[in-house]
Amino acid sequence: MNIIVTTTDQIENRSIESYIGIVRTSAVVGNDVALADLFSSTARKYSRKLEAIYDKALRDIRLQALAVGANAVVGLHGEFEEVFGKGKTRFIVSLMGTAVSLSP
């Protein structure tokens, strides 16, 4: 799947032919992560989980763009949030961008 994704509002040497619409996704991970674990030797394990969730979110954005006929997503914006409760924490990754059609 060759969907270009960028945080910028344009792509060098390419023209945007049409703006198709906003694509967005949110992913949650870590409902079994104790706050103390984030500062222990298992922190690397959770870092890998976060990387995996970002990768999943990017795949979702690309799939959404493909589904609406886009070949790129510009202006990608990401947010990361931690939600605490009952001694556990959840990580929420949200991505949003504009699906566009680029000239060949």
PDB file of N, CA and C in Angstrom:
ATOM      1  N   MET A   1       0.864  -1.170   0.000  1.00  0.00           N
ATOM      2  CA  MET A   1       0.000   0.000   0.000  1.00  0.00           C
ATOM      3  C   MET A   1       0.910   1.233   0.000  1.00  0.00           C
ATOM      4  N   ASN A   2       0.905   1.936  -1.114  1.00  0.00           N
ATOM      5  CA  ASN A   2       1.807   3.066  -1.290  1.00  0.00           C
ATOM      6  C   ASN A   2       1.069   4.387  -1.079  1.00  0.00           C
ATOM      7  N   ILE A   3       0.671   4.636   0.150  1.00  0.00           N
ATOM      8  CA  ILE A   3      -0.002   5.875   0.516  1.00  0.00           C
ATOM      9  C   ILE A   3       1.019   6.745   1.236  1.00  0.00           C
ATOM     10  N   ILE A   4       1.304   7.900   0.675  1.00  0.00           N
ATOM     11  CA  ILE A   4       2.236   8.832   1.304  1.00  0.00           C
ATOM     12  C   ILE A   4       1.543   9.479   2.501  1.00  0.00           C
ATOM     13  N   VAL A   5       2.230   9.529   3.630  1.00  0.00           N
ATOM     14  CA  VAL A   5       1.703  10.190   4.828  1.00  0.00           C
ATOM     15  C   VAL A   5       2.749  11.180   5.312  1.00  0.00           C
ATOM     16  N   THR A   6       2.322  12.421   5.510  1.00  0.00           N
ATOM     17  CA  THR A   6       3.261  13.449   5.947  1.00  0.00           C
ATOM     18  C   THR A   6       2.584  14.430   6.908  1.00  0.00           C
ATOM     19  N   THR A   7       3.384  15.024   7.753  1.00  0.00           N
ATOM     20  CA  THR A   7       2.868  16.035   8.678  1.00  0.00           C
ATOM     21  C   THR A   7       2.792  17.407   8.023  1.00  0.00           C
ATOM     22  N   THR A   8       3.402  17.556   6.872  1.00  0.00           N
ATOM     23  CA  THR A   8       3.373  18.837   6.168  1.00  0.00           C
ATOM     24  C   THR A   8       2.075  18.986   5.379  1.00  0.00           C
ATOM     25  N   ASP A   9       1.812  20.194   4.882  1.00  0.00           N
ATOM     26  CA  ASP A   9       0.573  20.424   4.136  1.00  0.00           C
ATOM     27  C   ASP A   9       0.743  20.270   2.629  1.00  0.00           C
ATOM     28  N   GLN A  10       1.925  19.885   2.211  1.00  0.00           N
ATOM     29  CA  GLN A  10       2.178  19.628   0.793  1.00  0.00           C
ATOM     30  C   GLN A  10       3.285  18.608   0.652  1.00  0.00           C
ATOM     31  N   ILE A  11       3.438  18.096  -0.552  1.00  0.00           N
ATOM     32  CA  ILE A  11       4.472  17.096  -0.818  1.00  0.00           C
ATOM     33  C   ILE A  11       5.346  17.633  -1.948  1.00  0.00           C
ATOM     34  N   GLU A  12       6.625  17.680  -1.689  1.00  0.00           N
ATOM     35  CA  GLU A  12       7.569  18.248  -2.636  1.00  0.00           C
ATOM     36  C   GLU A  12       7.449  17.583  -4.002  1.00  0.00           C
ATOM     37  N   ASN A  13       7.440  18.421  -5.038  1.00  0.00           N
ATOM     38  CA  ASN A  13       7.369  17.997  -6.440  1.00  0.00           C
ATOM     39  C   ASN A  13       6.058  17.310  -6.812  1.00  0.00           C
ATOM     40  N   ARG A  14       5.030  17.441  -6.006  1.00  0.00           N
ATOM     41  CA  ARG A  14       3.714  16.874  -6.312  1.00  0.00           C
ATOM     42  C   ARG A  14       2.662  17.945  -6.066  1.00  0.00           C
ATOM     43  N   SER A  15       1.626  17.921  -6.859  1.00  0.00           N
ATOM     44  CA  SER A  15       0.509  18.854  -6.687  1.00  0.00           C
ATOM     45  C   SER A  15      -0.691  18.100  -6.148  1.00  0.00           C
ATOM     46  N   ILE A  16      -1.413  18.745  -5.262  1.00  0.00           N
ATOM     47  CA  ILE A  16      -2.646  18.160  -4.748  1.00  0.00           C
ATOM     48  C   ILE A  16      -3.751  18.483  -5.755  1.00  0.00           C
ATOM     49  N   GLU A  17      -4.347  17.433  -6.326  1.00  0.00           N
ATOM     50  CA  GLU A  17      -5.433  17.613  -7.293  1.00  0.00           C
ATOM     51  C   GLU A  17      -6.762  17.841  -6.588  1.00  0.00           C
ATOM     52  N   SER A  18      -6.982  17.101  -5.483  1.00  0.00           N
ATOM     53  CA  SER A  18      -8.236  17.289  -4.754  1.00  0.00           C
ATOM     54  C   SER A  18      -8.071  16.896  -3.300  1.00  0.00           C
ATOM     55  N   TYR A  19      -8.818  17.588  -2.466  1.00  0.00           N
ATOM     56  CA  TYR A  19      -8.890  17.285  -1.047  1.00  0.00           C
ATOM     57  C   TYR A  19     -10.118  16.403  -0.861  1.00  0.00           C
ATOM     58  N   ILE A  20      -9.922  15.200  -0.371  1.00  0.00           N
ATOM     59  CA  ILE A  20     -11.014  14.238  -0.286  1.00  0.00           C
ATOM     60  C   ILE A  20     -11.743  14.311   1.044  1.00  0.00           C
ATOM     61  N   GLY A  21     -11.005  14.428   2.121  1.00  0.00           N
ATOM     62  CA  GLY A  21     -11.644  14.527   3.425  1.00  0.00           C
ATOM     63  C   GLY A  21     -10.706  14.152   4.545  1.00  0.00           C
ATOM     64  N   ILE A  22     -11.208  14.277   5.751  1.00  0.00           N
ATOM     65  CA  ILE A  22     -10.416  13.980   6.942  1.00  0.00           C
ATOM     66  C   ILE A  22     -10.455  12.483   7.235  1.00  0.00           C
ATOM     67  N   VAL A  23      -9.299  11.941   7.565  1.00  0.00           N
ATOM     68  CA  VAL A  23      -9.203  10.556   8.037  1.00  0.00           C
ATOM     69  C   VAL A  23      -8.652  10.610   9.451  1.00  0.00           C
ATOM     70  N   ARG A  24      -9.161   9.712  10.294  1.00  0.00           N
ATOM     71  CA  ARG A  24      -8.728   9.735  11.704  1.00  0.00           C
ATOM     72  C   ARG A  24      -8.867   8.347  12.300  1.00  0.00           C
ATOM     73  N   THR A  25      -8.104   8.134  13.344  1.00  0.00           N
ATOM     74  CA  THR A  25      -8.171   6.872  14.068  1.00  0.00           C
ATOM     75  C   THR A  25      -7.694   7.099  15.497  1.00  0.00           C
ATOM     76  N   SER A  26      -8.155   6.254  16.380  1.00  0.00           N
ATOM     77  CA  SER A  26      -7.677   6.227  17.762  1.00  0.00           C
ATOM     78  C   SER A  26      -7.447   4.776  18.145  1.00  0.00           C
ATOM     79  N   ALA A  27      -6.421   4.554  18.905  1.00  0.00           N
ATOM     80  CA  ALA A  27      -6.109   3.205  19.359  1.00  0.00           C
ATOM     81  C   ALA A  27      -5.741   3.265  20.833  1.00  0.00           C
ATOM     82  N   VAL A  28      -6.147   2.249  21.561  1.00  0.00           N
ATOM     83  CA  VAL A  28      -5.915   2.189  23.007  1.00  0.00           C
ATOM     84  C   VAL A  28      -5.073   0.958  23.306  1.00  0.00           C
ATOM     85  N   VAL A  29      -4.141   1.109  24.224  1.00  0.00           N
ATOM     86  CA  VAL A  29      -3.324  -0.027  24.655  1.00  0.00           C
ATOM     87  C   VAL A  29      -3.018   0.127  26.132  1.00  0.00           C
ATOM     88  N   GLY A  30      -2.805  -0.972  26.802  1.00  0.00           N
ATOM     89  CA  GLY A  30      -2.266  -0.939  28.149  1.00  0.00           C
ATOM     90  C   GLY A  30      -3.258  -0.982  29.271  1.00  0.00           C
ATOM     91  N   ASN A  31      -4.436  -1.568  29.072  1.00  0.00           N
ATOM     92  CA  ASN A  31      -5.386  -1.586  30.174  1.00  0.00           C
ATOM     93  C   ASN A  31      -4.921  -2.449  31.340  1.00  0.00           C
ATOM     94  N   ASP A  32      -3.841  -3.194  31.151  1.00  0.00           N
ATOM     95  CA  ASP A  32      -3.285  -3.979  32.250  1.00  0.00           C
ATOM     96  C   ASP A  32      -1.941  -3.434  32.726  1.00  0.00           C
ATOM     97  N   VAL A  33      -1.620  -2.192  32.351  1.00  0.00           N
ATOM     98  CA  VAL A  33      -0.341  -1.588  32.701  1.00  0.00           C
ATOM     99  C   VAL A  33      -0.481  -0.858  34.027  1.00  0.00           C
ATOM    100  N   ALA A  34       0.256  -1.282  35.014  1.00  0.00           N
ATOM    101  CA  ALA A  34       0.274  -0.578  36.299  1.00  0.00           C
ATOM    102  C   ALA A  34       1.212   0.612  36.187  1.00  0.00           C
ATOM    103  N   LEU A  35       0.856   1.714  36.827  1.00  0.00           N
ATOM    104  CA  LEU A  35       1.680   2.916  36.771  1.00  0.00           C
ATOM    105  C   LEU A  35       3.112   2.628  37.210  1.00  0.00           C
ATOM    106  N   ALA A  36       3.287   1.807  38.236  1.00  0.00           N
ATOM    107  CA  ALA A  36       4.627   1.478  38.719  1.00  0.00           C
ATOM    108  C   ALA A  36       5.453   0.771  37.643  1.00  0.00           C
ATOM    109  N   ASP A  37       4.787   0.031  36.749  1.00  0.00           N
ATOM    110  CA  ASP A  37       5.500  -0.686  35.691  1.00  0.00           C
ATOM    111  C   ASP A  37       6.202   0.254  34.727  1.00  0.00           C
ATOM    112  N   LEU A  38       5.673   1.465  34.587  1.00  0.00           N
ATOM    113  CA  LEU A  38       6.257   2.406  33.645  1.00  0.00           C
ATOM    114  C   LEU A  38       7.647   2.861  34.069  1.00  0.00           C
ATOM    115  N   PHE A  39       7.943   2.719  35.345  1.00  0.00           N
ATOM    116  CA  PHE A  39       9.227   3.164  35.861  1.00  0.00           C
ATOM    117  C   PHE A  39      10.120   2.007  36.279  1.00  0.00           C
ATOM    118  N   SER A  40       9.734   0.822  35.894  1.00  0.00           N
ATOM    119  CA  SER A  40      10.501  -0.366  36.267  1.00  0.00           C
ATOM    120  C   SER A  40      11.275  -0.884  35.066  1.00  0.00           C
ATOM    121  N   SER A  41      11.850  -2.058  35.238  1.00  0.00           N
ATOM    122  CA  SER A  41      12.630  -2.670  34.160  1.00  0.00           C
ATOM    123  C   SER A  41      11.749  -3.106  32.995  1.00  0.00           C
ATOM    124  N   THR A  42      10.443  -3.109  33.181  1.00  0.00           N
ATOM    125  CA  THR A  42       9.556  -3.491  32.081  1.00  0.00           C
ATOM    126  C   THR A  42       9.178  -2.307  31.198  1.00  0.00           C
ATOM    127  N   ALA A  43       9.752  -1.142  31.456  1.00  0.00           N
ATOM    128  CA  ALA A  43       9.423   0.050  30.676  1.00  0.00           C
ATOM    129  C   ALA A  43       9.697  -0.163  29.196  1.00  0.00           C
ATOM    130  N   ARG A  44      10.746  -0.873  28.845  1.00  0.00           N
ATOM    131  CA  ARG A  44      11.070  -1.134  27.442  1.00  0.00           C
ATOM    132  C   ARG A  44       9.944  -1.921  26.770  1.00  0.00           C
ATOM    133  N   LYS A  45       9.351  -2.845  27.514  1.00  0.00           N
ATOM    134  CA  LYS A  45       8.227  -3.639  27.002  1.00  0.00           C
ATOM    135  C   LYS A  45       7.068  -2.714  26.618  1.00  0.00           C
ATOM    136  N   TYR A  46       6.765  -1.735  27.452  1.00  0.00           N
ATOM    137  CA  TYR A  46       5.675  -0.819  27.171  1.00  0.00           C
ATOM    138  C   TYR A  46       6.034   0.151  26.063  1.00  0.00           C
ATOM    139  N   SER A  47       7.296   0.496  25.958  1.00  0.00           N
ATOM    140  CA  SER A  47       7.748   1.329  24.859  1.00  0.00           C
ATOM    141  C   SER A  47       7.499   0.618  23.531  1.00  0.00           C
ATOM    142  N   ARG A  48       7.783  -0.673  23.475  1.00  0.00           N
ATOM    143  CA  ARG A  48       7.516  -1.457  22.266  1.00  0.00           C
ATOM    144  C   ARG A  48       6.016  -1.531  21.981  1.00  0.00           C
ATOM    145  N   LYS A  49       5.201  -1.638  23.037  1.00  0.00           N
ATOM    146  CA  LYS A  49       3.747  -1.641  22.849  1.00  0.00           C
ATOM    147  C   LYS A  49       3.281  -0.323  22.235  1.00  0.00           C
ATOM    148  N   LEU A  50       3.843   0.781  22.723  1.00  0.00           N
ATOM    149  CA  LEU A  50       3.457   2.090  22.191  1.00  0.00           C
ATOM    150  C   LEU A  50       3.866   2.230  20.730  1.00  0.00           C
ATOM    151  N   GLU A  51       5.061   1.756  20.394  1.00  0.00           N
ATOM    152  CA  GLU A  51       5.494   1.789  19.000  1.00  0.00           C
ATOM    153  C   GLU A  51       4.542   0.976  18.133  1.00  0.00           C
ATOM    154  N   ALA A  52       4.127  -0.172  18.626  1.00  0.00           N
ATOM    155  CA  ALA A  52       3.203  -1.023  17.884  1.00  0.00           C
ATOM    156  C   ALA A  52       1.857  -0.332  17.684  1.00  0.00           C
ATOM    157  N   ILE A  53       1.389   0.390  18.692  1.00  0.00           N
ATOM    158  CA  ILE A  53       0.100   1.057  18.571  1.00  0.00           C
ATOM    159  C   ILE A  53       0.186   2.230  17.597  1.00  0.00           C
ATOM    160  N   TYR A  54       1.313   2.946  17.575  1.00  0.00           N
ATOM    161  CA  TYR A  54       1.507   3.994  16.573  1.00  0.00           C
ATOM    162  C   TYR A  54       1.525   3.389  15.171  1.00  0.00           C
ATOM    163  N   ASP A  55       2.227   2.272  15.009  1.00  0.00           N
ATOM    164  CA  ASP A  55       2.271   1.593  13.709  1.00  0.00           C
ATOM    165  C   ASP A  55       0.879   1.178  13.266  1.00  0.00           C
ATOM    166  N   LYS A  56       0.084   0.648  14.194  1.00  0.00           N
ATOM    167  CA  LYS A  56      -1.286   0.240  13.867  1.00  0.00           C
ATOM    168  C   LYS A  56      -2.112   1.450  13.448  1.00  0.00           C
ATOM    169  N   ALA A  57      -1.970   2.546  14.169  1.00  0.00           N
ATOM    170  CA  ALA A  57      -2.723   3.756  13.843  1.00  0.00           C
ATOM    171  C   ALA A  57      -2.346   4.276  12.449  1.00  0.00           C
ATOM    172  N   LEU A  58      -1.066   4.232  12.107  1.00  0.00           N
ATOM    173  CA  LEU A  58      -0.631   4.662  10.772  1.00  0.00           C
ATOM    174  C   LEU A  58      -1.187   3.746   9.687  1.00  0.00           C
ATOM    175  N   ARG A  59      -1.206   2.435   9.948  1.00  0.00           N
ATOM    176  CA  ARG A  59      -1.808   1.491   8.991  1.00  0.00           C
ATOM    177  C   ARG A  59      -3.289   1.816   8.801  1.00  0.00           C
ATOM    178  N   ASP A  60      -3.983   2.095   9.900  1.00  0.00           N
ATOM    179  CA  ASP A  60      -5.407   2.438   9.820  1.00  0.00           C
ATOM    180  C   ASP A  60      -5.635   3.702   8.991  1.00  0.00           C
ATOM    181  N   ILE A  61      -4.794   4.704   9.185  1.00  0.00           N
ATOM    182  CA  ILE A  61      -4.902   5.947   8.416  1.00  0.00           C
ATOM    183  C   ILE A  61      -4.707   5.664   6.932  1.00  0.00           C
ATOM    184  N   ARG A  62      -3.696   4.862   6.613  1.00  0.00           N
ATOM    185  CA  ARG A  62      -3.441   4.525   5.201  1.00  0.00           C
ATOM    186  C   ARG A  62      -4.616   3.757   4.588  1.00  0.00           C
ATOM    187  N   LEU A  63      -5.163   2.809   5.345  1.00  0.00           N
ATOM    188  CA  LEU A  63      -6.311   2.045   4.848  1.00  0.00           C
ATOM    189  C   LEU A  63      -7.523   2.939   4.613  1.00  0.00           C
ATOM    190  N   GLN A  64      -7.763   3.866   5.522  1.00  0.00           N
ATOM    191  CA  GLN A  64      -8.880   4.794   5.347  1.00  0.00           C
ATOM    192  C   GLN A  64      -8.684   5.662   4.104  1.00  0.00           C
ATOM    193  N   ALA A  65      -7.457   6.139   3.911  1.00  0.00           N
ATOM    194  CA  ALA A  65      -7.158   6.957   2.738  1.00  0.00           C
ATOM    195  C   ALA A  65      -7.388   6.155   1.461  1.00  0.00           C
ATOM    196  N   LEU A  66      -6.921   4.947   1.435  1.00  0.00           N
ATOM    197  CA  LEU A  66      -7.111   4.073   0.288  1.00  0.00           C
ATOM    198  C   LEU A  66      -8.595   3.846   0.022  1.00  0.00           C
ATOM    199  N   ALA A  67      -9.376   3.645   1.064  1.00  0.00           N
ATOM    200  CA  ALA A  67     -10.812   3.368   0.936  1.00  0.00           C
ATOM    201  C   ALA A  67     -11.580   4.536   0.324  1.00  0.00           C
ATOM    202  N   VAL A  68     -11.089   5.759   0.509  1.00  0.00           N
ATOM    203  CA  VAL A  68     -11.785   6.921  -0.059  1.00  0.00           C
ATOM    204  C   VAL A  68     -11.152   7.389  -1.375  1.00  0.00           C
ATOM    205  N   GLY A  69     -10.211   6.616  -1.897  1.00  0.00           N
ATOM    206  CA  GLY A  69      -9.604   6.926  -3.186  1.00  0.00           C
ATOM    207  C   GLY A  69      -8.440   7.888  -3.144  1.00  0.00           C
ATOM    208  N   ALA A  70      -7.872   8.094  -1.993  1.00  0.00           N
ATOM    209  CA  ALA A  70      -6.721   8.999  -1.855  1.00  0.00           C
ATOM    210  C   ALA A  70      -5.423   8.238  -2.107  1.00  0.00           C
ATOM    211  N   ASN A  71      -4.387   8.978  -2.457  1.00  0.00           N
ATOM    212  CA  ASN A  71      -3.069   8.358  -2.560  1.00  0.00           C
ATOM    213  C   ASN A  71      -2.065   9.032  -1.618  1.00  0.00           C
ATOM    214  N   ALA A  72      -2.587   9.904  -0.736  1.00  0.00           N
ATOM    215  CA  ALA A  72      -1.725  10.539   0.259  1.00  0.00           C
ATOM    216  C   ALA A  72      -2.570  11.104   1.397  1.00  0.00           C
ATOM    217  N   VAL A  73      -1.901  11.330   2.523  1.00  0.00           N
ATOM    218  CA  VAL A  73      -2.506  12.012   3.665  1.00  0.00           C
ATOM    219  C   VAL A  73      -1.532  13.114   4.058  1.00  0.00           C
ATOM    220  N   VAL A  74      -2.028  14.335   4.075  1.00  0.00           N
ATOM    221  CA  VAL A  74      -1.195  15.475   4.453  1.00  0.00           C
ATOM    222  C   VAL A  74      -1.691  16.041   5.779  1.00  0.00           C
ATOM    223  N   GLY A  75      -0.821  16.819   6.413  1.00  0.00           N
ATOM    224  CA  GLY A  75      -1.201  17.484   7.664  1.00  0.00           C
ATOM    225  C   GLY A  75      -1.469  16.519   8.802  1.00  0.00           C
ATOM    226  N   LEU A  76      -0.774  15.377   8.801  1.00  0.00           N
ATOM    227  CA  LEU A  76      -0.996  14.394   9.858  1.00  0.00           C
ATOM    228  C   LEU A  76      -0.664  15.002  11.215  1.00  0.00           C
ATOM    229  N   HIS A  77      -1.584  14.818  12.128  1.00  0.00           N
ATOM    230  CA  HIS A  77      -1.415  15.318  13.496  1.00  0.00           C
ATOM    231  C   HIS A  77      -1.656  14.148  14.446  1.00  0.00           C
ATOM    232  N   GLY A  78      -0.787  13.998  15.414  1.00  0.00           N
ATOM    233  CA  GLY A  78      -0.941  12.915  16.372  1.00  0.00           C
ATOM    234  C   GLY A  78      -1.030  13.430  17.796  1.00  0.00           C
ATOM    235  N   GLU A  79      -1.807  12.717  18.591  1.00  0.00           N
ATOM    236  CA  GLU A  79      -1.918  13.035  20.014  1.00  0.00           C
ATOM    237  C   GLU A  79      -1.731  11.760  20.816  1.00  0.00           C
ATOM    238  N   PHE A  80      -1.151  11.930  21.961  1.00  0.00           N
ATOM    239  CA  PHE A  80      -0.900  10.824  22.875  1.00  0.00           C
ATOM    240  C   PHE A  80      -1.483  11.216  24.215  1.00  0.00           C
ATOM    241  N   GLU A  81      -2.226  10.304  24.811  1.00  0.00           N
ATOM    242  CA  GLU A  81      -2.859  10.603  26.088  1.00  0.00           C
ATOM    243  C   GLU A  81      -2.733   9.402  27.014  1.00  0.00           C
ATOM    244  N   GLU A  82      -2.559   9.701  28.286  1.00  0.00           N
ATOM    245  CA  GLU A  82      -2.564   8.657  29.313  1.00  0.00           C
ATOM    246  C   GLU A  82      -3.813   8.841  30.158  1.00  0.00           C
ATOM    247  N   VAL A  83      -4.506   7.753  30.393  1.00  0.00           N
ATOM    248  CA  VAL A  83      -5.703   7.788  31.226  1.00  0.00           C
ATOM    249  C   VAL A  83      -5.464   6.854  32.394  1.00  0.00           C
ATOM    250  N   PHE A  84      -5.592   7.381  33.612  1.00  0.00           N
ATOM    251  CA  PHE A  84      -5.326   6.603  34.820  1.00  0.00           C
ATOM    252  C   PHE A  84      -6.635   6.243  35.510  1.00  0.00           C
ATOM    253  N   GLY A  85      -6.622   5.086  36.146  1.00  0.00           N
ATOM    254  CA  GLY A  85      -7.777   4.688  36.935  1.00  0.00           C
ATOM    255  C   GLY A  85      -7.569   3.324  37.555  1.00  0.00           C
ATOM    256  N   LYS A  86      -7.973   3.184  38.800  1.00  0.00           N
ATOM    257  CA  LYS A  86      -7.884   1.919  39.528  1.00  0.00           C
ATOM    258  C   LYS A  86      -6.466   1.328  39.509  1.00  0.00           C
ATOM    259  N   GLY A  87      -5.469   2.199  39.640  1.00  0.00           N
ATOM    260  CA  GLY A  87      -4.089   1.749  39.701  1.00  0.00           C
ATOM    261  C   GLY A  87      -3.507   1.307  38.367  1.00  0.00           C
ATOM    262  N   LYS A  88      -4.227   1.489  37.299  1.00  0.00           N
ATOM    263  CA  LYS A  88      -3.773   1.118  35.954  1.00  0.00           C
ATOM    264  C   LYS A  88      -3.757   2.355  35.070  1.00  0.00           C
ATOM    265  N   THR A  89      -3.093   2.219  33.958  1.00  0.00           N
ATOM    266  CA  THR A  89      -3.076   3.317  32.997  1.00  0.00           C
ATOM    267  C   THR A  89      -3.332   2.776  31.604  1.00  0.00           C
ATOM    268  N   ARG A  90      -3.952   3.599  30.788  1.00  0.00           N
ATOM    269  CA  ARG A  90      -4.176   3.272  29.380  1.00  0.00           C
ATOM    270  C   ARG A  90      -3.521   4.359  28.547  1.00  0.00           C
ATOM    271  N   PHE A  91      -3.006   3.950  27.423  1.00  0.00           N
ATOM    272  CA  PHE A  91      -2.431   4.896  26.473  1.00  0.00           C
ATOM    273  C   PHE A  91      -3.375   4.994  25.281  1.00  0.00           C
ATOM    274  N   ILE A  92      -3.654   6.206  24.868  1.00  0.00           N
ATOM    275  CA  ILE A  92      -4.507   6.428  23.709  1.00  0.00           C
ATOM    276  C   ILE A  92      -3.702   7.212  22.677  1.00  0.00           C
ATOM    277  N   VAL A  93      -3.618   6.670  21.485  1.00  0.00           N
ATOM    278  CA  VAL A  93      -2.952   7.330  20.374  1.00  0.00           C
ATOM    279  C   VAL A  93      -4.027   7.705  19.366  1.00  0.00           C
ATOM    280  N   SER A  94      -4.077   8.974  19.003  1.00  0.00           N
ATOM    281  CA  SER A  94      -5.030   9.456  18.010  1.00  0.00           C
ATOM    282  C   SER A  94      -4.267  10.129  16.878  1.00  0.00           C
ATOM    283  N   LEU A  95      -4.634   9.808  15.656  1.00  0.00           N
ATOM    284  CA  LEU A  95      -4.043  10.428  14.478  1.00  0.00           C
ATOM    285  C   LEU A  95      -5.151  11.001  13.611  1.00  0.00           C
ATOM    286  N   MET A  96      -4.868  12.146  12.957  1.00  0.00           N
ATOM    287  CA  MET A  96      -5.826  12.769  12.061  1.00  0.00           C
ATOM    288  C   MET A  96      -5.062  13.482  10.953  1.00  0.00           C
ATOM    289  N   GLY A  97      -5.586  13.406   9.751  1.00  0.00           N
ATOM    290  CA  GLY A  97      -4.979  14.097   8.624  1.00  0.00           C
ATOM    291  C   GLY A  97      -5.989  14.274   7.525  1.00  0.00           C
ATOM    292  N   THR A  98      -5.551  14.876   6.423  1.00  0.00           N
ATOM    293  CA  THR A  98      -6.428  15.114   5.286  1.00  0.00           C
ATOM    294  C   THR A  98      -6.036  14.185   4.145  1.00  0.00           C
ATOM    295  N   ALA A  99      -6.998  13.379   3.707  1.00  0.00           N
ATOM    296  CA  ALA A  99      -6.792  12.485   2.563  1.00  0.00           C
ATOM    297  C   ALA A  99      -6.863  13.330   1.296  1.00  0.00           C
ATOM    298  N   VAL A 100      -5.885  13.140   0.419  1.00  0.00           N
ATOM    299  CA  VAL A 100      -5.824  13.919  -0.818  1.00  0.00           C
ATOM    300  C   VAL A 100      -5.490  13.026  -2.005  1.00  0.00           C
ATOM    301  N   SER A 101      -5.757  13.565  -3.165  1.00  0.00           N
ATOM    302  CA  SER A 101      -5.355  12.910  -4.410  1.00  0.00           C
ATOM    303  C   SER A 101      -4.242  13.749  -5.017  1.00  0.00           C
ATOM    304  N   LEU A 102      -3.093  13.116  -5.220  1.00  0.00           N
ATOM    305  CA  LEU A 102      -1.933  13.812  -5.777  1.00  0.00           C
ATOM    306  C   LEU A 102      -1.869  13.617  -7.285  1.00  0.00           C
ATOM    307  N   SER A 103      -1.325  14.600  -7.965  1.00  0.00           N
ATOM    308  CA  SER A 103      -1.073  14.455  -9.394  1.00  0.00           C
ATOM    309  C   SER A 103       0.007  13.387  -9.588  1.00  0.00           C
ATOM    310  N   PRO A 104      -0.009  12.748 -10.760  1.00  0.00           N
ATOM    311  CA  PRO A 104       1.003  11.695 -11.020  1.00  0.00           C
ATOM    312  C   PRO A 104       2.416  12.248 -11.103  1.00  0.00           C
TER     313      PRO A 104
END
